[in-house]
Amino acid sequence: SCCYDPCGLTEEWNPSQNEHNYALHLRKAMAEGIPGFEPHMIVDTGRNGVADERAKCADWCNIRGAGVGLFPTTETANPEIIDAYFWL
């Protein structure tokens, strides 16, 4: 397992219960599938503005009231992997 998984879903249908974990899982899968390839990611923060809105693991897609997240920026939590946050 490559990523923090508070809901214990890594072995289930949804190992990526948030945007950051999705980016890490996608990068891991791509790097394993294409030897030598180390992709960088961008994360859509257009619908994740309310803190802990996804506290329930069943809340995963276009949650009502989620709000607009971080302004588009290249200052990310993990700049070695995530190049930017943006609004889609």
Protein backbone atom coordinates (compact mmCIF):
# COMPACT_ATOMS: atom_id res chain seq x y z
CA SER A 1 0.00 0.00 0.00
CA CYS A 2 1.35 3.40 -0.91
CA CYS A 3 -0.99 5.77 0.87
CA TYR A 4 -2.68 6.64 4.14
CA ASP A 5 -6.07 4.92 4.10
CA PRO A 6 -8.18 5.83 7.17
CA CYS A 7 -11.24 4.05 5.79
CA GLY A 8 -9.47 0.76 5.17
CA LEU A 9 -10.53 0.78 1.52
CA THR A 10 -7.19 0.03 -0.12
CA GLU A 11 -8.14 -3.58 -0.71
CA GLU A 12 -11.75 -2.66 -1.55
CA TRP A 13 -13.36 -0.94 -4.52
CA ASN A 14 -12.11 2.57 -3.64
CA PRO A 15 -8.50 2.76 -2.48
CA SER A 16 -8.44 6.51 -3.14
CA GLN A 17 -10.99 8.17 -0.87
CA ASN A 18 -9.50 11.64 -1.38
CA GLU A 19 -7.75 13.57 -4.14
CA HIS A 20 -4.26 13.25 -2.67
CA ASN A 21 -4.53 9.47 -2.30
CA TYR A 22 -5.95 9.20 -5.82
CA ALA A 23 -2.93 11.07 -7.21
CA LEU A 24 -0.53 8.82 -5.27
CA HIS A 25 -2.31 5.63 -6.34
CA LEU A 26 -2.45 6.74 -9.97
CA ARG A 27 1.25 7.62 -9.94
CA LYS A 28 2.13 4.25 -8.37
CA ALA A 29 0.08 2.33 -10.95
CA MET A 30 1.57 4.26 -13.86
CA ALA A 31 5.14 3.89 -12.57
CA GLU A 32 4.65 0.13 -12.12
CA GLY A 33 3.09 -0.21 -15.56
CA ILE A 34 5.76 1.78 -17.38
CA PRO A 35 9.23 1.04 -15.96
CA GLY A 36 11.29 4.20 -15.51
CA PHE A 37 8.26 6.50 -15.79
CA GLU A 38 7.76 8.82 -12.81
CA PRO A 39 4.66 10.90 -13.58
CA HIS A 40 3.73 14.12 -11.85
CA MET A 41 0.12 14.92 -11.01
CA ILE A 42 -2.23 17.85 -10.86
CA VAL A 43 -5.23 17.83 -8.48
CA ASP A 44 -8.66 19.35 -9.12
CA THR A 45 -9.62 21.28 -5.98
CA GLY A 46 -12.81 22.69 -7.45
CA ARG A 47 -15.13 20.66 -5.18
CA ASN A 48 -13.29 20.02 -1.93
CA GLY A 49 -13.38 23.28 0.02
CA VAL A 50 -15.17 22.23 3.19
CA ALA A 51 -12.81 20.59 5.69
CA ASP A 52 -13.71 17.03 6.70
CA GLU A 53 -16.65 16.97 4.28
CA ARG A 54 -15.53 13.47 3.38
CA ALA A 55 -15.25 12.31 6.98
CA LYS A 56 -17.67 9.50 6.16
CA CYS A 57 -16.01 7.08 3.80
CA ALA A 58 -19.24 6.63 1.84
CA ASP A 59 -19.11 10.31 0.79
CA TRP A 60 -16.85 10.24 -2.21
CA CYS A 61 -18.28 11.92 -5.29
CA ASN A 62 -19.56 15.49 -5.77
CA ILE A 63 -20.68 15.86 -2.19
CA ARG A 64 -23.43 18.44 -1.71
CA GLY A 65 -22.00 21.47 0.10
CA ALA A 66 -18.35 20.52 -0.53
CA GLY A 67 -17.51 24.05 -1.67
CA VAL A 68 -14.66 25.33 -3.83
CA GLY A 69 -11.24 24.27 -2.55
CA LEU A 70 -7.77 25.76 -2.69
CA PHE A 71 -7.09 28.45 -5.25
CA PRO A 72 -5.13 27.18 -8.23
CA THR A 73 -1.45 27.14 -7.29
CA THR A 74 1.80 25.31 -7.82
CA GLU A 75 2.50 25.32 -4.06
CA THR A 76 1.36 21.80 -3.15
CA ALA A 77 1.60 19.51 -0.13
CA ASN A 78 3.85 17.10 -2.02
CA PRO A 79 5.76 18.99 -4.76
CA GLU A 80 7.86 15.95 -5.71
CA ILE A 81 4.66 14.30 -6.97
CA ILE A 82 1.90 16.93 -7.26
CA ASP A 83 2.75 19.83 -9.56
CA ALA A 84 -0.36 21.95 -9.05
CA TYR A 85 -3.87 22.35 -7.67
CA PHE A 86 -6.43 23.75 -10.10
CA TRP A 87 -10.18 24.17 -10.62
CA LEU A 88 -11.74 22.10 -13.37
